[in-house]
Amino acid sequence: MATDYGQGYAQGDSGLGHPAGHPADYPAEYPADTRRRRLPAGLRAPFEARSWREFAYVLLSLPISILLFVYSVTMVALGAGLLVTFLGIPVLAAGLAGCRGFGSLERARARGLLRLDVAAPEPLRIRKTGAMGWIGAVLKSGSSWRALLYSVLHLPWAVFSFVVAVNVWAYGWALLTYPLWFWLFPVYGGQDGLQLYGDETHRVYLDNPFEITVSALVGLLFTLATPWIVRALTTVDRLLVHGLLGPSRLATRVVELESDRGIVVDTAAADLRRIERDLHDGAQARLVALAMDLGLAKEKLAEDPQAAARMVDEAHGEVKTALQELRDLARGIHPAVLTDRGLDAALSAVASRCAVPVQVDVDLVERPAPAIEGIAYFTVSELLQNISKHSRATWAAVDVWRVENRLMLQVVDNGVGGADVSGGSGLAGLAERLDAVDGILVVDSPVGGPTRVTAELPWRGERV
């Protein structure tokens, strides 16, 4: 492949764009000084904006879930009761459409308070014009029924999370600040303070310094634990929003396949253009020049046999060069050694042409699918070409093995590092090609090296 992957090696930059621990790794809501000298997570959690956003989400969930539950149950019950008439189906469709609208608001609320970005579900597929086409699309849409299910299931969870979060939060802050307001209680029998329990024979008050201090410590523990409790509660909300208000797995998979198909088509078109360009600028031009030289030699054969012989000799050399270019082009399309002998022999052949010594270790009992085998071969070829041109390495290693139903590739070199998978670079193009077949490309290349590129491909193989 003729793609230039040199853009991936940029001096002075790591594979992530900045070294680990850089201030850019921290959220923007923390000032620079705070990012450098941050408190432990357990101590700063009660004062973080995230904790208050999640607490606000829990507080709002109760009234919103009550409204959703009442609306959905009322509309579904009304629609079901009217099914004996022609009004039942439109009422039921209107109820489902309202649930879809409330689902959009819930996704927006989750995006604003939980920072959960959930894509909108698949749009309605209205196959017929008019009201009946819209009603049929709403009733047939799985996202409409998932939104209805969310409206029903969210109420009991919202009640539970509201009660737990409000009580833990209120008791925690009340006990933590108890030393500041315990004197507000009236004095009973010479004692003042918070009455825990009591009857006509005895009473217990939190009124002496020891009890007040213990109360404050217990409140501190509750206060520190409250953000984590709320965070655990909102985890269930995240699952509900993501699972019921987002696109279905099937729809998501269809979108991914459509995107992958576009990448595959673009890649195939680029490869065809490359082959056409190589043929036109290389072997074809050389063969045209060869035909002209042989024509001149034919004309000079009678007048100057020695000059004709020299021209034929030069043409013979051009034929050898053209044949070598055609072999290289054929090898770039799909090498015969890969088809006949598999990845081990094919990668060894590629490694022998690399500018640095390469150790190849292929540990495969079976052969993967031919398409996956070809992608693995070209991935290693591109990475080794990248090493030869840009890494300034003195050695490299290629490892290939299988983990369950995945084919693993790893290419390591001791070059200058700084390889970066970013938009516009050759490594990004290689990552897109692997992603088109559900593959993954991971680059670990700190500045100064070494560089470790790991590729993962689906197996889909066959027994040798």
Protein backbone atom coordinates (compact mmCIF):
# COMPACT_ATOMS: atom_id res chain seq x y z
CA MET A 1 0.00 0.00 0.00
CA ALA A 2 1.26 3.43 -0.90
CA THR A 3 -0.43 5.36 1.89
CA ASP A 4 1.99 7.60 3.76
CA TYR A 5 1.69 7.11 7.49
CA GLY A 6 4.46 9.54 8.36
CA GLN A 7 1.98 12.07 9.68
CA GLY A 8 1.45 9.81 12.66
CA TYR A 9 4.95 10.52 13.99
CA ALA A 10 5.01 14.06 15.36
CA GLN A 11 7.90 15.17 17.48
CA GLY A 12 7.11 16.64 20.88
CA ASP A 13 3.66 15.14 21.22
CA SER A 14 2.44 11.94 22.80
CA GLY A 15 -0.17 9.58 21.52
CA LEU A 16 -2.77 11.29 23.69
CA GLY A 17 -1.83 14.80 22.73
CA HIS A 18 -0.29 15.59 26.13
CA PRO A 19 1.64 13.70 28.81
CA ALA A 20 -0.21 11.84 31.54
CA GLY A 21 -1.18 14.00 34.46
CA HIS A 22 -1.44 17.13 32.32
CA PRO A 23 -3.94 19.70 33.68
CA ALA A 24 -6.03 19.19 30.56
CA ASP A 25 -6.88 15.73 31.91
CA TYR A 26 -8.98 17.29 34.67
CA PRO A 27 -12.47 18.69 34.23
CA ALA A 28 -12.73 22.35 33.33
CA GLU A 29 -14.85 23.06 36.41
CA TYR A 30 -11.75 22.89 38.63
CA PRO A 31 -9.43 25.89 38.72
CA ALA A 32 -5.80 25.40 37.77
CA ASP A 33 -4.51 25.59 41.34
CA THR A 34 -7.12 23.13 42.52
CA ARG A 35 -6.17 20.74 39.76
CA ARG A 36 -2.58 20.76 40.95
CA ARG A 37 -3.29 20.31 44.65
CA ARG A 38 -6.60 18.50 44.82
CA LEU A 39 -8.12 17.07 47.97
CA PRO A 40 -8.79 13.35 48.23
CA ALA A 41 -11.93 12.30 46.42
CA GLY A 42 -13.72 11.35 49.63
CA LEU A 43 -13.28 14.83 51.15
CA ARG A 44 -14.05 16.97 48.12
CA ALA A 45 -17.06 14.95 46.92
CA PRO A 46 -19.69 16.81 49.05
CA PHE A 47 -18.58 20.13 47.53
CA GLU A 48 -18.20 19.06 43.89
CA ALA A 49 -20.58 20.40 41.28
CA ARG A 50 -21.21 16.85 40.10
CA SER A 51 -22.58 15.80 43.50
CA TRP A 52 -25.04 18.70 43.60
CA ARG A 53 -26.11 18.13 39.99
CA GLU A 54 -26.83 14.47 40.72
CA PHE A 55 -28.68 15.39 43.92
CA ALA A 56 -30.78 17.90 41.96
CA TYR A 57 -31.51 15.15 39.42
CA VAL A 58 -32.82 12.88 42.20
CA LEU A 59 -34.96 15.69 43.65
CA LEU A 60 -36.51 16.49 40.26
CA SER A 61 -37.08 12.83 39.42
CA LEU A 62 -39.94 12.41 41.88
CA PRO A 63 -42.35 15.07 40.57
CA ILE A 64 -41.39 14.38 36.95
CA SER A 65 -41.85 10.63 37.33
CA ILE A 66 -45.25 11.17 38.95
CA LEU A 67 -46.30 13.32 36.00
CA LEU A 68 -44.98 10.74 33.50
CA PHE A 69 -46.64 7.85 35.30
CA VAL A 70 -50.02 9.55 35.55
CA TYR A 71 -49.93 10.63 31.91
CA SER A 72 -48.81 7.27 30.50
CA VAL A 73 -51.18 5.16 32.61
CA THR A 74 -54.11 7.46 31.90
CA MET A 75 -53.54 7.57 28.15
CA VAL A 76 -52.91 3.82 27.82
CA ALA A 77 -55.92 2.95 29.95
CA LEU A 78 -58.10 5.39 28.02
CA GLY A 79 -56.85 4.10 24.68
CA ALA A 80 -57.31 0.47 25.72
CA GLY A 81 -60.82 1.19 26.97
CA LEU A 82 -61.74 2.86 23.69
CA LEU A 83 -60.40 0.09 21.47
CA VAL A 84 -63.96 -1.11 20.99
CA THR A 85 -64.49 2.11 19.05
CA PHE A 86 -62.44 3.76 16.32
CA LEU A 87 -61.06 6.30 18.87
CA GLY A 88 -58.97 3.79 20.84
CA ILE A 89 -56.08 3.46 18.40
CA PRO A 90 -55.58 7.22 17.84
CA VAL A 91 -55.70 7.88 21.61
CA LEU A 92 -53.18 5.11 22.24
CA ALA A 93 -50.91 6.49 19.50
CA ALA A 94 -51.18 9.98 20.97
CA GLY A 95 -50.22 8.60 24.38
CA LEU A 96 -47.18 6.86 22.95
CA ALA A 97 -46.19 10.00 21.06
CA GLY A 98 -46.42 11.97 24.31
CA CYS A 99 -44.18 9.39 26.00
CA ARG A 100 -41.64 9.89 23.20
CA GLY A 101 -41.77 13.63 23.81
CA PHE A 102 -41.24 13.19 27.54
CA GLY A 103 -38.37 10.86 26.69
CA SER A 104 -36.68 13.69 24.79
CA LEU A 105 -37.01 15.92 27.86
CA GLU A 106 -35.58 13.19 30.08
CA ARG A 107 -32.58 12.77 27.78
CA ALA A 108 -32.03 16.52 27.95
CA ARG A 109 -32.27 16.45 31.76
CA ALA A 110 -29.82 13.57 31.96
CA ARG A 111 -27.48 15.42 29.59
CA GLY A 112 -27.58 18.58 31.68
CA LEU A 113 -27.40 17.12 35.20
CA LEU A 114 -25.79 13.69 34.80
CA ARG A 115 -23.61 14.58 31.80
CA LEU A 116 -25.06 11.51 30.07
CA ASP A 117 -25.24 12.04 26.34
CA VAL A 118 -27.74 9.56 24.92
CA ALA A 119 -28.54 9.69 21.22
CA ALA A 120 -32.13 10.06 20.12
CA PRO A 121 -33.91 6.81 19.19
CA GLU A 122 -34.52 5.85 15.61
CA PRO A 123 -37.04 8.14 13.90
CA LEU A 124 -40.51 7.00 12.94
CA ARG A 125 -40.75 5.18 9.61
CA ILE A 126 -43.91 6.61 8.13
CA ARG A 127 -44.64 4.50 5.06
CA LYS A 128 -48.04 6.04 4.23
CA THR A 129 -49.13 9.62 4.04
CA GLY A 130 -51.80 11.00 6.28
CA ALA A 131 -52.85 10.45 9.88
CA MET A 132 -53.15 6.68 9.57
CA GLY A 133 -49.56 6.39 8.36
CA TRP A 134 -48.36 8.38 11.38
CA ILE A 135 -50.50 6.36 13.80
CA GLY A 136 -49.19 3.08 12.38
CA ALA A 137 -45.58 4.29 12.60
CA VAL A 138 -46.00 5.29 16.25
CA LEU A 139 -47.61 2.00 17.22
CA LYS A 140 -44.99 -0.07 15.36
CA SER A 141 -42.01 1.86 16.75
CA GLY A 142 -40.16 0.03 19.48
CA SER A 143 -38.82 3.30 20.90
CA SER A 144 -42.42 4.42 21.61
CA TRP A 145 -43.09 1.37 23.76
CA ARG A 146 -39.70 1.65 25.47
CA ALA A 147 -40.56 5.26 26.40
CA LEU A 148 -43.87 4.02 27.86
CA LEU A 149 -42.01 1.35 29.83
CA TYR A 150 -39.64 4.01 31.17
CA SER A 151 -42.59 6.13 32.34
CA VAL A 152 -43.99 3.19 34.31
CA LEU A 153 -40.75 1.81 35.76
CA HIS A 154 -39.19 5.11 36.72
CA LEU A 155 -41.78 6.05 39.35
CA PRO A 156 -41.00 3.36 41.98
CA TRP A 157 -37.28 3.91 41.53
CA ALA A 158 -37.69 7.71 41.74
CA VAL A 159 -39.62 7.34 45.02
CA PHE A 160 -36.97 5.06 46.49
CA SER A 161 -34.02 7.21 45.42
CA PHE A 162 -35.75 10.42 46.58
CA VAL A 163 -36.44 9.03 50.06
CA VAL A 164 -32.93 7.63 50.49
CA ALA A 165 -31.08 10.65 49.11
CA VAL A 166 -33.11 13.30 50.98
CA ASN A 167 -32.96 11.48 54.32
CA VAL A 168 -29.26 10.74 54.13
CA TRP A 169 -28.48 14.27 52.99
CA ALA A 170 -30.71 15.92 55.62
CA TYR A 171 -29.54 13.82 58.58
CA GLY A 172 -25.91 14.16 57.54
CA TRP A 173 -25.87 17.94 57.36
CA ALA A 174 -28.15 18.29 60.40
CA LEU A 175 -25.84 16.23 62.62
CA LEU A 176 -22.70 17.79 61.16
CA THR A 177 -23.90 21.29 62.01
CA TYR A 178 -25.51 20.25 65.32
CA PRO A 179 -22.89 22.07 67.46
CA LEU A 180 -23.99 25.32 65.82
CA TRP A 181 -27.70 25.10 66.57
CA PHE A 182 -28.23 22.71 69.52
CA TRP A 183 -28.65 25.69 71.88
CA LEU A 184 -31.92 26.53 70.16
CA PHE A 185 -33.64 23.72 72.07
CA PRO A 186 -35.41 24.81 75.30
CA VAL A 187 -34.09 23.71 78.68
CA TYR A 188 -35.91 20.83 80.36
CA GLY A 189 -34.94 20.08 83.93
CA GLY A 190 -31.64 21.83 83.63
CA GLN A 191 -30.72 20.10 80.34
CA ASP A 192 -30.91 21.35 76.81
CA GLY A 193 -30.28 19.61 73.53
CA LEU A 194 -31.82 17.24 70.98
CA GLN A 195 -34.16 14.69 72.58
CA LEU A 196 -33.61 11.24 71.07
CA TYR A 197 -36.36 9.45 72.97
CA GLY A 198 -38.06 9.72 76.34
CA ASP A 199 -41.04 8.96 78.55
CA GLU A 200 -42.29 10.04 81.95
CA THR A 201 -39.50 8.21 83.82
CA HIS A 202 -36.39 9.11 81.82
CA ARG A 203 -35.23 11.20 78.88
CA VAL A 204 -32.05 11.20 76.74
CA TYR A 205 -30.68 14.48 75.38
CA LEU A 206 -27.62 15.25 73.30
CA ASP A 207 -26.47 18.08 75.48
CA ASN A 208 -22.92 17.53 76.79
CA PRO A 209 -19.75 18.23 74.80
CA PHE A 210 -18.95 14.56 74.21
CA GLU A 211 -22.40 13.75 72.80
CA ILE A 212 -22.35 16.87 70.65
CA THR A 213 -18.93 15.96 69.24
CA VAL A 214 -19.98 12.37 68.50
CA SER A 215 -23.12 13.67 66.78
CA ALA A 216 -21.03 15.95 64.59
CA LEU A 217 -18.67 13.08 63.68
CA VAL A 218 -21.57 10.85 62.75
CA GLY A 219 -22.96 13.68 60.65
CA LEU A 220 -19.57 14.07 58.96
CA LEU A 221 -19.58 10.40 57.99
CA PHE A 222 -23.10 10.71 56.59
CA THR A 223 -22.16 13.88 54.70
CA LEU A 224 -19.09 12.28 53.14
CA ALA A 225 -21.04 9.18 52.19
CA THR A 226 -24.02 11.04 50.71
CA PRO A 227 -22.42 11.89 47.31
CA TRP A 228 -21.42 8.26 46.75
CA ILE A 229 -24.88 7.03 47.74
CA VAL A 230 -26.47 9.52 45.34
CA ARG A 231 -23.99 8.53 42.66
CA ALA A 232 -24.96 4.88 43.10
CA LEU A 233 -28.64 5.81 42.86
CA THR A 234 -28.15 7.83 39.68
CA THR A 235 -26.28 4.90 38.15
CA VAL A 236 -29.62 3.11 37.89
CA ASP A 237 -31.12 6.24 36.32
CA ARG A 238 -28.32 6.25 33.76
CA LEU A 239 -29.09 2.64 32.88
CA LEU A 240 -32.80 3.36 32.53
CA VAL A 241 -32.26 6.41 30.32
CA HIS A 242 -29.63 4.71 28.19
CA GLY A 243 -31.49 1.44 27.84
CA LEU A 244 -35.06 2.66 27.36
CA LEU A 245 -34.81 6.18 25.92
CA GLY A 246 -31.88 5.71 23.56
CA PRO A 247 -31.69 3.91 20.22
CA SER A 248 -32.12 0.16 20.25
CA ARG A 249 -29.11 -2.09 19.83
CA LEU A 250 -30.38 -3.19 16.45
CA ALA A 251 -30.73 0.40 15.23
CA THR A 252 -27.29 1.27 16.59
CA ARG A 253 -25.81 -1.73 14.88
CA VAL A 254 -27.46 -0.79 11.58
CA VAL A 255 -25.98 2.71 11.79
CA GLU A 256 -22.55 1.24 12.53
CA LEU A 257 -22.82 -1.14 9.59
CA GLU A 258 -23.88 1.68 7.27
CA SER A 259 -20.89 3.74 8.40
CA ASP A 260 -18.56 0.76 8.02
CA ARG A 261 -19.95 0.07 4.56
CA GLY A 262 -19.15 3.64 3.56
CA ILE A 263 -15.60 3.27 4.82
CA VAL A 264 -15.15 -0.02 2.97
CA VAL A 265 -16.48 1.51 -0.27
CA ASP A 266 -14.20 4.53 0.07
CA THR A 267 -11.22 2.30 0.84
CA ALA A 268 -11.90 0.08 -2.16
CA ALA A 269 -12.26 3.13 -4.42
CA ALA A 270 -8.99 4.56 -3.11
CA ASP A 271 -7.24 1.23 -3.72
CA LEU A 272 -8.57 1.08 -7.27
CA ARG A 273 -7.36 4.63 -7.93
CA ARG A 274 -3.96 3.74 -6.53
CA ILE A 275 -3.67 0.64 -8.70
CA GLU A 276 -4.76 2.61 -11.76
CA ARG A 277 -2.24 5.34 -10.99
CA ASP A 278 0.58 2.84 -10.44
CA LEU A 279 -0.23 1.08 -13.70
CA HIS A 280 -0.51 4.32 -15.67
CA ASP A 281 2.59 6.00 -14.24
CA GLY A 282 4.69 2.88 -13.83
CA ALA A 283 4.39 -0.30 -15.85
CA GLN A 284 2.17 1.14 -18.59
CA ALA A 285 4.49 4.09 -19.28
CA ARG A 286 7.50 1.78 -19.22
CA LEU A 287 5.86 -0.64 -21.67
CA VAL A 288 4.97 2.22 -24.04
CA ALA A 289 8.58 3.40 -23.99
CA LEU A 290 9.68 -0.21 -24.53
CA ALA A 291 7.45 -0.52 -27.61
CA MET A 292 8.92 2.66 -29.06
CA ASP A 293 12.49 1.48 -28.42
CA LEU A 294 11.82 -1.85 -30.10
CA GLY A 295 10.31 -0.03 -33.10
CA LEU A 296 13.44 2.10 -33.42
CA ALA A 297 15.61 -0.99 -33.07
CA LYS A 298 13.64 -2.69 -35.85
CA GLU A 299 14.25 0.27 -38.17
CA LYS A 300 17.98 0.32 -37.39
CA LEU A 301 18.41 -3.43 -37.69
CA ALA A 302 19.32 -3.29 -41.39
CA GLU A 303 21.33 -0.03 -41.30
CA ASP A 304 23.20 -0.36 -37.99
CA PRO A 305 22.94 -3.85 -36.46
CA GLN A 306 25.20 -2.96 -33.50
CA ALA A 307 23.07 0.05 -32.49
CA ALA A 308 19.96 -2.09 -32.88
CA ALA A 309 21.49 -4.75 -30.63
CA ARG A 310 22.27 -2.13 -27.97
CA MET A 311 18.70 -0.87 -28.16
CA VAL A 312 17.34 -4.40 -27.83
CA ASP A 313 19.62 -4.95 -24.82
CA GLU A 314 18.30 -1.79 -23.20
CA ALA A 315 14.76 -2.89 -23.98
CA HIS A 316 15.51 -6.21 -22.29
CA GLY A 317 16.46 -4.34 -19.13
CA GLU A 318 13.28 -2.30 -19.33
CA VAL A 319 11.26 -5.53 -19.60
CA LYS A 320 12.85 -6.82 -16.40
CA THR A 321 12.08 -3.55 -14.61
CA ALA A 322 8.47 -3.59 -15.85
CA LEU A 323 8.05 -7.18 -14.72
CA GLN A 324 9.37 -6.30 -11.26
CA GLU A 325 6.94 -3.38 -11.02
CA LEU A 326 4.07 -5.64 -12.01
CA ARG A 327 5.14 -8.21 -9.39
CA ASP A 328 5.26 -5.48 -6.72
CA LEU A 329 1.85 -4.25 -7.78
CA ALA A 330 0.40 -7.77 -7.67
CA ARG A 331 1.98 -8.32 -4.27
CA GLY A 332 0.35 -5.10 -3.07
CA ILE A 333 -3.08 -6.31 -4.21
CA HIS A 334 -2.92 -9.73 -2.59
CA PRO A 335 0.33 -11.69 -2.28
CA ALA A 336 0.26 -15.29 -3.42
CA VAL A 337 2.32 -16.37 -0.41
CA LEU A 338 -0.48 -15.18 1.89
CA THR A 339 -3.04 -17.35 0.09
CA ASP A 340 -0.77 -20.38 -0.16
CA ARG A 341 1.10 -20.39 3.16
CA GLY A 342 -0.71 -18.03 5.53
CA LEU A 343 0.27 -15.12 7.74
CA ASP A 344 3.51 -16.59 9.09
CA ALA A 345 5.22 -16.84 5.72
CA ALA A 346 3.65 -13.65 4.34
CA LEU A 347 4.68 -11.52 7.33
CA SER A 348 8.17 -13.01 7.27
CA ALA A 349 8.46 -11.95 3.64
CA VAL A 350 7.33 -8.42 4.51
CA ALA A 351 9.74 -8.26 7.45
CA SER A 352 12.65 -9.25 5.22
CA ARG A 353 12.05 -6.14 3.11
CA CYS A 354 11.92 -3.80 6.13
CA ALA A 355 14.80 -1.34 6.61
CA VAL A 356 15.42 -2.57 10.19
CA PRO A 357 15.75 -6.10 11.58
CA VAL A 358 12.30 -7.47 12.44
CA GLN A 359 11.51 -10.47 14.62
CA VAL A 360 8.26 -12.18 13.58
CA ASP A 361 6.39 -14.50 15.94
CA VAL A 362 3.09 -15.94 14.65
CA ASP A 363 1.34 -18.26 17.11
CA LEU A 364 -1.74 -19.50 15.24
CA VAL A 365 -3.07 -23.04 15.09
CA GLU A 366 -5.85 -22.09 12.68
CA ARG A 367 -6.11 -19.60 9.86
CA PRO A 368 -8.60 -16.73 10.16
CA ALA A 369 -11.07 -15.86 7.44
CA PRO A 370 -9.36 -14.82 4.18
CA ALA A 371 -10.66 -11.24 4.44
CA ILE A 372 -9.41 -10.88 8.03
CA GLU A 373 -6.11 -12.49 7.06
CA GLY A 374 -5.67 -9.94 4.26
CA ILE A 375 -6.46 -7.01 6.55
CA ALA A 376 -3.99 -8.31 9.14
CA TYR A 377 -1.30 -8.63 6.47
CA PHE A 378 -1.79 -5.12 5.14
CA THR A 379 -1.96 -3.67 8.67
CA VAL A 380 1.44 -5.10 9.55
CA SER A 381 2.79 -4.06 6.14
CA GLU A 382 1.74 -0.44 6.70
CA LEU A 383 3.14 -0.36 10.22
CA LEU A 384 6.49 -1.81 9.09
CA GLN A 385 6.60 0.68 6.23
CA ASN A 386 5.96 3.42 8.78
CA ILE A 387 8.84 2.14 10.88
CA SER A 388 11.18 2.07 7.87
CA LYS A 389 10.38 5.63 6.82
CA HIS A 390 9.81 7.62 9.98
CA SER A 391 10.64 5.92 13.28
CA ARG A 392 14.49 5.87 13.10
CA ALA A 393 14.34 2.54 14.93
CA THR A 394 17.12 -0.06 15.03
CA TRP A 395 14.89 -3.08 15.62
CA ALA A 396 11.23 -4.08 15.51
CA ALA A 397 9.10 -7.05 16.46
CA VAL A 398 5.81 -8.43 15.16
CA ASP A 399 3.65 -10.73 17.29
CA VAL A 400 0.45 -12.41 16.11
CA TRP A 401 -1.73 -14.57 18.31
CA ARG A 402 -5.33 -15.48 18.98
CA VAL A 403 -7.43 -14.69 22.05
CA GLU A 404 -10.77 -16.53 21.93
CA ASN A 405 -12.54 -15.18 18.82
CA ARG A 406 -10.18 -12.24 18.23
CA LEU A 407 -6.98 -12.01 16.19
CA MET A 408 -4.33 -9.92 17.95
CA LEU A 409 -1.46 -8.11 16.22
CA GLN A 410 1.30 -6.17 17.92
CA VAL A 411 4.13 -4.24 16.27
CA VAL A 412 6.86 -2.81 18.51
CA ASP A 413 9.89 -0.67 17.65
CA ASN A 414 12.53 1.28 19.58
CA GLY A 415 12.23 4.44 17.49
CA VAL A 416 11.69 8.06 18.47
CA GLY A 417 8.00 7.58 19.27
CA GLY A 418 5.42 10.34 19.12
CA ALA A 419 3.00 8.40 16.89
CA ASP A 420 -0.48 9.85 17.18
CA VAL A 421 -3.86 8.59 16.02
CA SER A 422 -5.55 11.86 15.20
CA GLY A 423 -7.72 13.26 12.46
CA GLY A 424 -5.93 13.48 9.15
CA SER A 425 -3.01 11.19 10.00
CA GLY A 426 -2.28 7.90 8.29
CA LEU A 427 -2.74 5.96 11.51
CA ALA A 428 -6.24 7.38 11.75
CA GLY A 429 -6.98 6.02 8.28
CA LEU A 430 -5.67 2.62 9.31
CA ALA A 431 -7.83 2.73 12.43
CA GLU A 432 -10.89 3.48 10.27
CA ARG A 433 -10.14 0.47 8.08
CA LEU A 434 -9.95 -1.80 11.11
CA ASP A 435 -13.09 -0.27 12.59
CA ALA A 436 -14.96 -1.14 9.37
CA VAL A 437 -14.63 -4.84 10.30
CA ASP A 438 -15.17 -4.35 14.07
CA GLY A 439 -11.44 -4.06 14.68
CA ILE A 440 -9.53 -1.82 17.07
CA LEU A 441 -6.19 -0.01 16.74
CA VAL A 442 -4.41 1.15 19.92
CA VAL A 443 -1.20 3.21 19.73
CA ASP A 444 1.12 3.61 22.73
CA SER A 445 3.93 5.87 21.60
CA PRO A 446 5.42 8.28 24.14
CA VAL A 447 7.91 10.81 22.85
CA GLY A 448 11.32 9.16 22.89
CA GLY A 449 9.84 5.72 22.33
CA PRO A 450 9.32 2.89 22.27
CA THR A 451 6.22 2.62 20.08
CA ARG A 452 3.74 -0.21 20.59
CA VAL A 453 0.84 -0.56 18.16
CA THR A 454 -1.77 -3.20 18.96
CA ALA A 455 -4.49 -4.19 16.51
CA GLU A 456 -7.46 -6.41 17.30
CA LEU A 457 -9.57 -8.06 14.61
CA PRO A 458 -12.50 -10.48 14.66
CA TRP A 459 -11.47 -14.05 13.97
CA ARG A 460 -14.25 -15.57 11.81
CA GLY A 461 -11.74 -18.24 10.84
CA GLU A 462 -11.55 -21.73 9.45
CA ARG A 463 -9.58 -24.86 10.32
CA VAL A 464 -6.33 -25.23 8.35
